[in-house]
Amino acid sequence: MCVILCQLVFVSLPASLKHSAPSSLHIKRSDMPILEDKGYRVRVVLGEGNGQQSYEYPVWQVSILDGYCLLPH
């Protein structure tokens, strides 16, 4: 069995970049730094998070994080 997960993120660009040629990135999960501790796990998909930087660096300042946090009952 093969499972492929994909996330598509569309970013509204500043007016000066609206007519730029479209582009895309393919970022492998293995290239995403992981921030993990008791109760949370976050992958830095693009940009920076808590001192960790993604493999790909965005042209404009943006961070995309994917994770979860367990809240106490």
Protein backbone atom coordinates (compact mmCIF):
# COMPACT_ATOMS: atom_id res chain seq x y z
CA MET A 1 0.00 0.00 0.00
CA CYS A 2 1.28 3.45 -0.90
CA VAL A 3 0.01 6.58 0.84
CA ILE A 4 0.78 10.03 -0.52
CA LEU A 5 -0.07 13.08 1.54
CA CYS A 6 -0.04 16.51 -0.02
CA GLN A 7 -0.60 20.03 1.22
CA LEU A 8 -1.33 22.88 -1.13
CA VAL A 9 -0.84 26.40 0.17
CA PHE A 10 -1.72 29.44 -1.89
CA VAL A 11 -0.21 32.74 -0.78
CA SER A 12 -1.63 36.14 -1.70
CA LEU A 13 1.38 38.05 -2.96
CA PRO A 14 2.00 41.77 -2.50
CA ALA A 15 0.73 43.96 -5.36
CA SER A 16 4.25 44.36 -6.77
CA LEU A 17 4.50 40.57 -7.30
CA LYS A 18 0.94 39.80 -8.49
CA HIS A 19 1.99 39.47 -12.14
CA SER A 20 5.08 37.34 -11.49
CA ALA A 21 5.31 33.92 -13.08
CA PRO A 22 3.76 31.23 -10.87
CA SER A 23 6.08 28.87 -9.05
CA SER A 24 5.90 25.92 -6.70
CA LEU A 25 8.05 23.99 -4.26
CA HIS A 26 8.17 20.30 -3.50
CA ILE A 27 9.43 19.84 0.04
CA LYS A 28 10.04 16.31 1.27
CA ARG A 29 8.93 15.46 4.79
CA SER A 30 12.46 14.23 5.51
CA ASP A 31 13.76 17.75 4.76
CA MET A 32 11.49 19.41 7.35
CA PRO A 33 13.09 20.10 10.75
CA ILE A 34 11.02 18.81 13.67
CA LEU A 35 10.49 20.65 16.95
CA GLU A 36 9.33 18.12 19.53
CA ASP A 37 8.93 17.96 23.27
CA LYS A 38 6.47 16.61 25.80
CA GLY A 39 3.02 17.48 24.50
CA TYR A 40 3.85 18.96 21.10
CA ARG A 41 5.37 18.17 17.72
CA VAL A 42 5.82 20.75 14.96
CA ARG A 43 7.39 20.43 11.51
CA VAL A 44 8.91 23.55 9.95
CA VAL A 45 7.55 23.21 6.41
CA LEU A 46 8.83 26.56 5.15
CA GLY A 47 10.62 29.46 6.79
CA GLU A 48 11.66 29.48 10.44
CA GLY A 49 10.28 28.30 13.75
CA ASN A 50 11.89 28.45 17.19
CA GLY A 51 15.40 28.76 15.76
CA GLN A 52 14.96 25.95 13.21
CA GLN A 53 15.07 26.80 9.50
CA SER A 54 13.52 24.87 6.64
CA TYR A 55 15.60 23.33 3.86
CA GLU A 56 13.95 25.65 1.32
CA TYR A 57 13.91 29.32 2.23
CA PRO A 58 11.05 31.51 0.98
CA VAL A 59 11.65 34.57 -1.18
CA TRP A 60 9.39 36.65 1.08
CA GLN A 61 9.09 36.43 4.86
CA VAL A 62 6.63 33.66 5.65
CA SER A 63 6.64 30.60 7.89
CA ILE A 64 4.48 27.52 7.43
CA LEU A 65 4.33 25.17 10.40
CA ASP A 66 2.51 21.84 10.70
CA GLY A 67 1.95 20.32 14.11
CA TYR A 68 -0.11 19.60 17.17
CA CYS A 69 -0.20 20.45 20.84
CA LEU A 70 -1.71 18.27 23.57
CA LEU A 71 -3.60 20.32 26.14
CA PRO A 72 -3.91 19.10 29.74
CA HIS A 73 -7.35 17.89 30.80
